[in-house]
């Protein structure tokens, strides 16, 4: 009886020890990567965790090395571009006194000056602009009044001439062919400058286009009525007195050459 009890107790102890020791051994095998792992446990690990971590680490390492190479290449290209932009020879050429003034530097400095004045307009410039606007307004009003007085009863707001229309080439019509249109432009541009309003000034561009097209229709009708209008249009500007200004400029230059005891230059063909 004692022998039977001892055998049963020894069997229970061996069974209990197996339950206690085996998980310890499995845990040790799972926690230690240097010890061999049997095929059944490898299969279970693959089902739960997928491929072995060693392969993932190698792929990640390869990707990281490729990323480092790309970063190095981009950094080298950026440094080469920076070196190309900040070329030290450029500054030497800019300040070279031997060629300074022969490469159009005046236009460059004029560009910088105008851009600077656009962003930081001085108070004096605004005052000058307002003064120019007032002068243009007065000039426009005087031109309109002169045009109305010169055309008399032939005046019409439409481009088609009236039946009682007469060809007028004297007075303000001796300077421009459409003095009232010119006066309207002077007043609108002058008012925009006086108010320092760029929106109003921009609207003067389509106004000029409309008046120019209106004048074209009117001149087509005047050519049918008066054959002499073609010769008149060649001597007098449409909205601006360019032919007269050109002639005045030529006379002024001729007078300057005479004062300097020099013969005037021959006109170019």
C-alpha atoms as a PDB file:
ATOM      1  CA  UNK A   1       0.000   0.000   0.000  1.00  0.00           C
ATOM      2  CA  UNK A   2       2.820   2.360   0.895  1.00  0.00           C
ATOM      3  CA  UNK A   3       4.506   1.412  -2.372  1.00  0.00           C
ATOM      4  CA  UNK A   4       1.339   2.290  -4.318  1.00  0.00           C
ATOM      5  CA  UNK A   5       1.057   5.645  -2.574  1.00  0.00           C
ATOM      6  CA  UNK A   6       4.694   6.450  -3.279  1.00  0.00           C
ATOM      7  CA  UNK A   7       4.314   5.558  -6.921  1.00  0.00           C
ATOM      8  CA  UNK A   8       1.205   7.735  -7.291  1.00  0.00           C
ATOM      9  CA  UNK A   9       2.858  10.647  -5.492  1.00  0.00           C
ATOM     10  CA  UNK A  10       5.963  10.369  -7.622  1.00  0.00           C
ATOM     11  CA  UNK A  11       3.811  10.371 -10.762  1.00  0.00           C
ATOM     12  CA  UNK A  12       1.921  13.430  -9.556  1.00  0.00           C
ATOM     13  CA  UNK A  13       5.164  15.218  -8.750  1.00  0.00           C
ATOM     14  CA  UNK A  14       6.607  14.415 -12.152  1.00  0.00           C
ATOM     15  CA  UNK A  15       3.407  15.645 -13.854  1.00  0.00           C
ATOM     16  CA  UNK A  16       3.407  18.814 -11.767  1.00  0.00           C
ATOM     17  CA  UNK A  17       7.060  19.455 -12.505  1.00  0.00           C
ATOM     18  CA  UNK A  18       6.420  19.023 -16.216  1.00  0.00           C
ATOM     19  CA  UNK A  19       3.697  21.734 -16.105  1.00  0.00           C
ATOM     20  CA  UNK A  20       5.990  24.050 -14.212  1.00  0.00           C
ATOM     21  CA  UNK A  21       9.277  23.486 -16.059  1.00  0.00           C
ATOM     22  CA  UNK A  22       8.060  23.252 -19.667  1.00  0.00           C
ATOM     23  CA  UNK A  23       6.520  26.744 -19.873  1.00  0.00           C
ATOM     24  CA  UNK A  24       9.729  28.080 -18.429  1.00  0.00           C
ATOM     25  CA  UNK A  25      11.698  26.326 -21.111  1.00  0.00           C
ATOM     26  CA  UNK A  26       9.332  27.579 -23.853  1.00  0.00           C
ATOM     27  CA  UNK A  27       9.501  31.097 -22.514  1.00  0.00           C
ATOM     28  CA  UNK A  28      13.258  30.884 -22.483  1.00  0.00           C
ATOM     29  CA  UNK A  29      13.307  29.670 -26.035  1.00  0.00           C
ATOM     30  CA  UNK A  30      10.959  32.451 -27.166  1.00  0.00           C
ATOM     31  CA  UNK A  31      12.934  35.155 -25.407  1.00  0.00           C
ATOM     32  CA  UNK A  32      16.333  34.022 -26.611  1.00  0.00           C
ATOM     33  CA  UNK A  33      16.986  34.354 -30.357  1.00  0.00           C
ATOM     34  CA  UNK A  34      20.302  32.485 -30.214  1.00  0.00           C
ATOM     35  CA  UNK A  35      18.807  29.147 -29.172  1.00  0.00           C
ATOM     36  CA  UNK A  36      17.337  26.798 -31.798  1.00  0.00           C
ATOM     37  CA  UNK A  37      13.555  26.786 -32.274  1.00  0.00           C
ATOM     38  CA  UNK A  38      11.747  23.655 -33.348  1.00  0.00           C
ATOM     39  CA  UNK A  39       9.658  23.511 -36.504  1.00  0.00           C
ATOM     40  CA  UNK A  40       6.275  23.450 -34.716  1.00  0.00           C
ATOM     41  CA  UNK A  41       7.087  26.584 -32.760  1.00  0.00           C
ATOM     42  CA  UNK A  42       8.468  28.270 -35.902  1.00  0.00           C
ATOM     43  CA  UNK A  43       5.189  27.532 -37.689  1.00  0.00           C
ATOM     44  CA  UNK A  44       3.176  29.004 -34.814  1.00  0.00           C
ATOM     45  CA  UNK A  45       5.339  32.143 -34.800  1.00  0.00           C
ATOM     46  CA  UNK A  46       4.903  32.540 -38.562  1.00  0.00           C
ATOM     47  CA  UNK A  47       1.107  32.211 -38.261  1.00  0.00           C
ATOM     48  CA  UNK A  48       0.915  34.790 -35.466  1.00  0.00           C
ATOM     49  CA  UNK A  49       3.665  37.300 -36.370  1.00  0.00           C
ATOM     50  CA  UNK A  50       4.223  36.710 -40.077  1.00  0.00           C
ATOM     51  CA  UNK A  51       7.792  36.553 -41.511  1.00  0.00           C
ATOM     52  CA  UNK A  52      10.756  36.531 -39.192  1.00  0.00           C
ATOM     53  CA  UNK A  53      11.782  39.912 -37.772  1.00  0.00           C
ATOM     54  CA  UNK A  54      15.329  39.477 -39.061  1.00  0.00           C
ATOM     55  CA  UNK A  55      14.230  39.813 -42.675  1.00  0.00           C
ATOM     56  CA  UNK A  56      12.120  42.884 -41.864  1.00  0.00           C
ATOM     57  CA  UNK A  57      15.061  44.549 -40.202  1.00  0.00           C
ATOM     58  CA  UNK A  58      17.269  43.863 -43.193  1.00  0.00           C
ATOM     59  CA  UNK A  59      14.694  45.331 -45.608  1.00  0.00           C
ATOM     60  CA  UNK A  60      14.244  48.370 -43.407  1.00  0.00           C
ATOM     61  CA  UNK A  61      17.975  48.805 -43.230  1.00  0.00           C
ATOM     62  CA  UNK A  62      18.264  48.603 -47.007  1.00  0.00           C
ATOM     63  CA  UNK A  63      15.483  51.168 -47.408  1.00  0.00           C
ATOM     64  CA  UNK A  64      17.134  53.453 -44.871  1.00  0.00           C
ATOM     65  CA  UNK A  65      20.470  53.183 -46.674  1.00  0.00           C
ATOM     66  CA  UNK A  66      18.753  54.024 -49.972  1.00  0.00           C
ATOM     67  CA  UNK A  67      17.065  57.017 -48.370  1.00  0.00           C
ATOM     68  CA  UNK A  68      20.383  58.214 -47.009  1.00  0.00           C
ATOM     69  CA  UNK A  69      21.903  57.946 -50.487  1.00  0.00           C
ATOM     70  CA  UNK A  70      19.015  59.947 -52.011  1.00  0.00           C
ATOM     71  CA  UNK A  71      19.338  62.582 -49.304  1.00  0.00           C
ATOM     72  CA  UNK A  72      23.059  62.839 -49.911  1.00  0.00           C
ATOM     73  CA  UNK A  73      22.528  63.160 -53.666  1.00  0.00           C
ATOM     74  CA  UNK A  74      19.863  65.855 -53.263  1.00  0.00           C
ATOM     75  CA  UNK A  75      22.048  67.741 -50.800  1.00  0.00           C
ATOM     76  CA  UNK A  76      24.972  67.624 -53.209  1.00  0.00           C
ATOM     77  CA  UNK A  77      22.803  68.839 -56.110  1.00  0.00           C
ATOM     78  CA  UNK A  78      21.404  71.651 -53.945  1.00  0.00           C
ATOM     79  CA  UNK A  79      24.888  72.685 -52.948  1.00  0.00           C
ATOM     80  CA  UNK A  80      25.972  72.691 -56.595  1.00  0.00           C
ATOM     81  CA  UNK A  81      22.951  74.871 -57.552  1.00  0.00           C
ATOM     82  CA  UNK A  82      23.735  77.217 -54.687  1.00  0.00           C
ATOM     83  CA  UNK A  83      27.301  77.448 -55.855  1.00  0.00           C
ATOM     84  CA  UNK A  84      26.091  78.204 -59.392  1.00  0.00           C
ATOM     85  CA  UNK A  85      23.800  81.007 -58.201  1.00  0.00           C
ATOM     86  CA  UNK A  86      26.238  82.593 -55.781  1.00  0.00           C
ATOM     87  CA  UNK A  87      29.094  82.717 -58.202  1.00  0.00           C
ATOM     88  CA  UNK A  88      31.888  84.858 -56.766  1.00  0.00           C
ATOM     89  CA  UNK A  89      32.937  85.892 -60.265  1.00  0.00           C
ATOM     90  CA  UNK A  90      29.578  87.620 -60.739  1.00  0.00           C
ATOM     91  CA  UNK A  91      30.292  90.159 -58.016  1.00  0.00           C
ATOM     92  CA  UNK A  92      33.732  90.825 -59.465  1.00  0.00           C
ATOM     93  CA  UNK A  93      32.170  91.546 -62.843  1.00  0.00           C
ATOM     94  CA  UNK A  94      29.524  93.838 -61.324  1.00  0.00           C
ATOM     95  CA  UNK A  95      32.067  96.062 -59.578  1.00  0.00           C
ATOM     96  CA  UNK A  96      34.679  95.977 -62.314  1.00  0.00           C
ATOM     97  CA  UNK A  97      35.532  99.660 -62.939  1.00  0.00           C
ATOM     98  CA  UNK A  98      36.883  98.937 -66.412  1.00  0.00           C
ATOM     99  CA  UNK A  99      33.482  98.055 -67.894  1.00  0.00           C
ATOM    100  CA  UNK A 100      31.213  99.854 -65.450  1.00  0.00           C
ATOM    101  CA  UNK A 101      28.789 102.130 -67.301  1.00  0.00           C
ATOM    102  CA  UNK A 102      29.027 100.305 -70.641  1.00  0.00           C
ATOM    103  CA  UNK A 103      26.512  97.498 -69.958  1.00  0.00           C
ATOM    104  CA  UNK A 104      23.313  99.509 -69.524  1.00  0.00           C
ATOM    105  CA  UNK A 105      23.685 100.062 -65.794  1.00  0.00           C
ATOM    106  CA  UNK A 106      21.637 103.270 -66.007  1.00  0.00           C
ATOM    107  CA  UNK A 107      18.548 101.317 -67.055  1.00  0.00           C
ATOM    108  CA  UNK A 108      19.058  98.874 -64.192  1.00  0.00           C
ATOM    109  CA  UNK A 109      19.307 101.620 -61.583  1.00  0.00           C
ATOM    110  CA  UNK A 110      16.308 103.392 -63.125  1.00  0.00           C
ATOM    111  CA  UNK A 111      14.366 100.145 -62.786  1.00  0.00           C
ATOM    112  CA  UNK A 112      15.311  99.855 -59.113  1.00  0.00           C
ATOM    113  CA  UNK A 113      14.419 103.485 -58.474  1.00  0.00           C
ATOM    114  CA  UNK A 114      10.967 103.255 -60.035  1.00  0.00           C
ATOM    115  CA  UNK A 115      10.158 100.002 -58.235  1.00  0.00           C
ATOM    116  CA  UNK A 116      11.243 101.583 -54.961  1.00  0.00           C
ATOM    117  CA  UNK A 117       9.030 104.625 -55.596  1.00  0.00           C
ATOM    118  CA  UNK A 118       6.068 102.357 -56.375  1.00  0.00           C
ATOM    119  CA  UNK A 119       6.325 100.674 -52.980  1.00  0.00           C
ATOM    120  CA  UNK A 120       7.453 103.765 -51.049  1.00  0.00           C
ATOM    121  CA  UNK A 121       6.120 106.867 -52.835  1.00  0.00           C
ATOM    122  CA  UNK A 122       7.431 110.081 -51.294  1.00  0.00           C
ATOM    123  CA  UNK A 123       5.044 112.798 -50.221  1.00  0.00           C
ATOM    124  CA  UNK A 124       6.564 115.201 -52.747  1.00  0.00           C
ATOM    125  CA  UNK A 125       5.815 112.808 -55.604  1.00  0.00           C
ATOM    126  CA  UNK A 126       2.187 112.547 -54.531  1.00  0.00           C
ATOM    127  CA  UNK A 127       1.998 116.330 -54.457  1.00  0.00           C
ATOM    128  CA  UNK A 128       3.461 116.531 -57.964  1.00  0.00           C
ATOM    129  CA  UNK A 129       0.998 113.917 -59.213  1.00  0.00           C
ATOM    130  CA  UNK A 130      -1.926 115.836 -57.772  1.00  0.00           C
ATOM    131  CA  UNK A 131      -0.636 119.036 -59.362  1.00  0.00           C
ATOM    132  CA  UNK A 132      -0.356 117.324 -62.749  1.00  0.00           C
ATOM    133  CA  UNK A 133      -3.925 116.066 -62.317  1.00  0.00           C
ATOM    134  CA  UNK A 134      -5.224 119.577 -61.686  1.00  0.00           C
ATOM    135  CA  UNK A 135      -3.386 120.880 -64.757  1.00  0.00           C
ATOM    136  CA  UNK A 136      -4.876 118.121 -66.905  1.00  0.00           C
ATOM    137  CA  UNK A 137      -8.387 118.866 -65.633  1.00  0.00           C
ATOM    138  CA  UNK A 138      -8.058 122.555 -66.497  1.00  0.00           C
ATOM    139  CA  UNK A 139      -6.549 121.705 -69.893  1.00  0.00           C
ATOM    140  CA  UNK A 140      -9.377 119.283 -70.629  1.00  0.00           C
ATOM    141  CA  UNK A 141     -12.079 121.786 -69.727  1.00  0.00           C
ATOM    142  CA  UNK A 142     -10.442 124.446 -71.885  1.00  0.00           C
ATOM    143  CA  UNK A 143     -10.137 122.012 -74.808  1.00  0.00           C
ATOM    144  CA  UNK A 144     -13.800 121.013 -74.552  1.00  0.00           C
ATOM    145  CA  UNK A 145     -14.899 124.635 -74.426  1.00  0.00           C
ATOM    146  CA  UNK A 146     -12.739 125.498 -77.446  1.00  0.00           C
ATOM    147  CA  UNK A 147     -14.114 122.543 -79.394  1.00  0.00           C
ATOM    148  CA  UNK A 148     -17.730 123.487 -78.692  1.00  0.00           C
ATOM    149  CA  UNK A 149     -17.065 127.062 -79.731  1.00  0.00           C
ATOM    150  CA  UNK A 150     -15.265 126.031 -82.927  1.00  0.00           C
ATOM    151  CA  UNK A 151     -17.793 123.468 -84.175  1.00  0.00           C
ATOM    152  CA  UNK A 152     -20.844 125.640 -83.508  1.00  0.00           C
ATOM    153  CA  UNK A 153     -24.129 124.256 -84.802  1.00  0.00           C
ATOM    154  CA  UNK A 154     -22.498 121.124 -86.244  1.00  0.00           C
ATOM    155  CA  UNK A 155     -22.043 119.607 -82.785  1.00  0.00           C
ATOM    156  CA  UNK A 156     -23.563 116.151 -82.202  1.00  0.00           C
ATOM    157  CA  UNK A 157     -23.078 113.515 -79.477  1.00  0.00           C
ATOM    158  CA  UNK A 158     -23.204 110.723 -82.078  1.00  0.00           C
ATOM    159  CA  UNK A 159     -20.486 109.750 -84.564  1.00  0.00           C
ATOM    160  CA  UNK A 160     -22.822 110.231 -87.548  1.00  0.00           C
ATOM    161  CA  UNK A 161     -22.623 113.859 -88.805  1.00  0.00           C
ATOM    162  CA  UNK A 162     -25.752 115.979 -88.826  1.00  0.00           C
ATOM    163  CA  UNK A 163     -27.299 117.058 -92.171  1.00  0.00           C
ATOM    164  CA  UNK A 164     -26.172 120.628 -91.471  1.00  0.00           C
ATOM    165  CA  UNK A 165     -22.612 119.569 -90.604  1.00  0.00           C
ATOM    166  CA  UNK A 166     -19.675 121.665 -91.821  1.00  0.00           C
ATOM    167  CA  UNK A 167     -15.992 120.696 -91.927  1.00  0.00           C
ATOM    168  CA  UNK A 168     -14.090 122.665 -89.292  1.00  0.00           C
ATOM    169  CA  UNK A 169     -10.278 122.793 -89.422  1.00  0.00           C
ATOM    170  CA  UNK A 170      -9.574 125.951 -87.419  1.00  0.00           C
ATOM    171  CA  UNK A 171      -9.492 126.768 -83.713  1.00  0.00           C
ATOM    172  CA  UNK A 172      -8.904 123.743 -81.517  1.00  0.00           C
ATOM    173  CA  UNK A 173      -9.504 121.546 -84.584  1.00  0.00           C
ATOM    174  CA  UNK A 174      -6.174 122.795 -85.920  1.00  0.00           C
ATOM    175  CA  UNK A 175      -4.426 120.829 -83.128  1.00  0.00           C
ATOM    176  CA  UNK A 176      -6.522 117.671 -82.855  1.00  0.00           C
ATOM    177  CA  UNK A 177      -9.312 116.292 -85.037  1.00  0.00           C
ATOM    178  CA  UNK A 178     -11.562 115.509 -82.055  1.00  0.00           C
ATOM    179  CA  UNK A 179     -10.841 118.126 -79.396  1.00  0.00           C
ATOM    180  CA  UNK A 180     -13.865 117.292 -77.240  1.00  0.00           C
ATOM    181  CA  UNK A 181     -12.793 113.642 -76.976  1.00  0.00           C
ATOM    182  CA  UNK A 182      -9.313 114.839 -76.061  1.00  0.00           C
ATOM    183  CA  UNK A 183     -10.789 117.096 -73.385  1.00  0.00           C
ATOM    184  CA  UNK A 184     -12.794 114.228 -71.890  1.00  0.00           C
ATOM    185  CA  UNK A 185      -9.641 112.091 -71.676  1.00  0.00           C
ATOM    186  CA  UNK A 186      -7.654 114.906 -70.069  1.00  0.00           C
ATOM    187  CA  UNK A 187     -10.347 115.487 -67.455  1.00  0.00           C
ATOM    188  CA  UNK A 188     -10.739 111.813 -66.529  1.00  0.00           C
ATOM    189  CA  UNK A 189      -6.986 111.140 -66.336  1.00  0.00           C
ATOM    190  CA  UNK A 190      -6.421 114.364 -64.430  1.00  0.00           C
ATOM    191  CA  UNK A 191      -9.184 113.605 -61.945  1.00  0.00           C
ATOM    192  CA  UNK A 192      -7.768 110.109 -61.369  1.00  0.00           C
ATOM    193  CA  UNK A 193      -4.332 111.570 -60.649  1.00  0.00           C
ATOM    194  CA  UNK A 194      -5.753 114.276 -58.442  1.00  0.00           C
ATOM    195  CA  UNK A 195      -7.631 111.676 -56.361  1.00  0.00           C
ATOM    196  CA  UNK A 196      -4.641 109.282 -56.432  1.00  0.00           C
ATOM    197  CA  UNK A 197      -7.020 106.483 -57.397  1.00  0.00           C
ATOM    198  CA  UNK A 198      -5.489 103.710 -59.543  1.00  0.00           C
ATOM    199  CA  UNK A 199      -8.922 102.206 -60.239  1.00  0.00           C
ATOM    200  CA  UNK A 200     -10.161 105.386 -61.901  1.00  0.00           C
ATOM    201  CA  UNK A 201      -6.883 105.651 -63.805  1.00  0.00           C
ATOM    202  CA  UNK A 202      -7.241 102.080 -65.085  1.00  0.00           C
ATOM    203  CA  UNK A 203     -10.758 102.825 -66.335  1.00  0.00           C
ATOM    204  CA  UNK A 204      -9.318 105.545 -68.561  1.00  0.00           C
ATOM    205  CA  UNK A 205      -7.821 102.819 -70.771  1.00  0.00           C
ATOM    206  CA  UNK A 206     -11.185 101.394 -71.973  1.00  0.00           C
ATOM    207  CA  UNK A 207     -12.479 104.969 -72.253  1.00  0.00           C
ATOM    208  CA  UNK A 208      -9.650 105.770 -74.671  1.00  0.00           C
ATOM    209  CA  UNK A 209     -10.510 102.630 -76.667  1.00  0.00           C
ATOM    210  CA  UNK A 210     -14.199 103.598 -76.912  1.00  0.00           C
ATOM    211  CA  UNK A 211     -13.445 107.171 -77.972  1.00  0.00           C
ATOM    212  CA  UNK A 212     -10.914 106.009 -80.552  1.00  0.00           C
ATOM    213  CA  UNK A 213     -13.423 103.617 -82.135  1.00  0.00           C
ATOM    214  CA  UNK A 214     -16.116 106.314 -82.080  1.00  0.00           C
ATOM    215  CA  UNK A 215     -13.737 108.710 -83.812  1.00  0.00           C
ATOM    216  CA  UNK A 216     -12.989 106.062 -86.463  1.00  0.00           C
ATOM    217  CA  UNK A 217     -16.693 105.765 -87.333  1.00  0.00           C
ATOM    218  CA  UNK A 218     -17.059 109.519 -87.450  1.00  0.00           C
ATOM    219  CA  UNK A 219     -14.050 109.962 -89.733  1.00  0.00           C
ATOM    220  CA  UNK A 220     -15.338 107.291 -92.125  1.00  0.00           C
ATOM    221  CA  UNK A 221     -18.521 109.318 -92.554  1.00  0.00           C
ATOM    222  CA  UNK A 222     -16.569 112.596 -92.909  1.00  0.00           C
ATOM    223  CA  UNK A 223     -14.401 111.082 -95.668  1.00  0.00           C
ATOM    224  CA  UNK A 224     -17.536 110.341 -97.670  1.00  0.00           C
ATOM    225  CA  UNK A 225     -18.764 113.912 -97.238  1.00  0.00           C
ATOM    226  CA  UNK A 226     -15.477 115.808 -97.608  1.00  0.00           C
ATOM    227  CA  UNK A 227     -12.668 114.450 -99.840  1.00  0.00           C
ATOM    228  CA  UNK A 228     -10.299 117.046 -98.342  1.00  0.00           C
ATOM    229  CA  UNK A 229     -10.609 115.367 -94.940  1.00  0.00           C
ATOM    230  CA  UNK A 230      -7.908 112.848 -95.853  1.00  0.00           C
ATOM    231  CA  UNK A 231      -5.234 115.547 -96.281  1.00  0.00           C
ATOM    232  CA  UNK A 232      -6.429 117.183 -93.068  1.00  0.00           C
ATOM    233  CA  UNK A 233      -6.122 113.899 -91.139  1.00  0.00           C
ATOM    234  CA  UNK A 234      -2.493 113.537 -92.265  1.00  0.00           C
ATOM    235  CA  UNK A 235      -1.534 116.895 -90.807  1.00  0.00           C
ATOM    236  CA  UNK A 236      -3.494 116.810 -87.532  1.00  0.00           C
ATOM    237  CA  UNK A 237      -3.586 114.041 -84.919  1.00  0.00           C
ATOM    238  CA  UNK A 238      -6.775 112.250 -83.975  1.00  0.00           C
ATOM    239  CA  UNK A 239      -6.844 112.550 -80.165  1.00  0.00           C
ATOM    240  CA  UNK A 240      -3.320 113.760 -79.395  1.00  0.00           C
ATOM    241  CA  UNK A 241      -1.423 116.456 -81.308  1.00  0.00           C
ATOM    242  CA  UNK A 242       1.501 114.218 -82.282  1.00  0.00           C
ATOM    243  CA  UNK A 243       2.289 115.844 -85.695  1.00  0.00           C
ATOM    244  CA  UNK A 244       2.331 119.311 -84.136  1.00  0.00           C
ATOM    245  CA  UNK A 245       4.463 118.168 -81.200  1.00  0.00           C
ATOM    246  CA  UNK A 246       6.869 116.475 -83.583  1.00  0.00           C
ATOM    247  CA  UNK A 247       7.203 119.629 -85.663  1.00  0.00           C
ATOM    248  CA  UNK A 248       7.729 121.766 -82.571  1.00  0.00           C
ATOM    249  CA  UNK A 249      10.426 119.374 -81.364  1.00  0.00           C
ATOM    250  CA  UNK A 250      12.224 119.537 -84.691  1.00  0.00           C
ATOM    251  CA  UNK A 251      12.121 123.345 -84.646  1.00  0.00           C
ATOM    252  CA  UNK A 252      13.453 123.403 -81.092  1.00  0.00           C
ATOM    253  CA  UNK A 253      16.347 121.105 -81.955  1.00  0.00           C
ATOM    254  CA  UNK A 254      17.170 123.217 -84.995  1.00  0.00           C
ATOM    255  CA  UNK A 255      17.268 126.348 -82.845  1.00  0.00           C
ATOM    256  CA  UNK A 256      19.547 124.641 -80.317  1.00  0.00           C
ATOM    257  CA  UNK A 257      21.988 123.610 -83.058  1.00  0.00           C
ATOM    258  CA  UNK A 258      22.038 127.134 -84.408  1.00  0.00           C
ATOM    259  CA  UNK A 259      22.808 128.513 -80.961  1.00  0.00           C
ATOM    260  CA  UNK A 260      25.704 126.103 -80.666  1.00  0.00           C
ATOM    261  CA  UNK A 261      26.993 127.234 -84.105  1.00  0.00           C
ATOM    262  CA  UNK A 262      26.487 123.806 -85.533  1.00  0.00           C
ATOM    263  CA  UNK A 263      24.676 122.869 -88.658  1.00  0.00           C
ATOM    264  CA  UNK A 264      21.504 120.878 -88.083  1.00  0.00           C
ATOM    265  CA  UNK A 265      21.681 117.166 -88.833  1.00  0.00           C
ATOM    266  CA  UNK A 266      20.370 115.965 -92.146  1.00  0.00           C
ATOM    267  CA  UNK A 267      16.932 114.349 -91.899  1.00  0.00           C
ATOM    268  CA  UNK A 268      16.921 110.602 -92.262  1.00  0.00           C
ATOM    269  CA  UNK A 269      15.163 109.123 -95.244  1.00  0.00           C
END
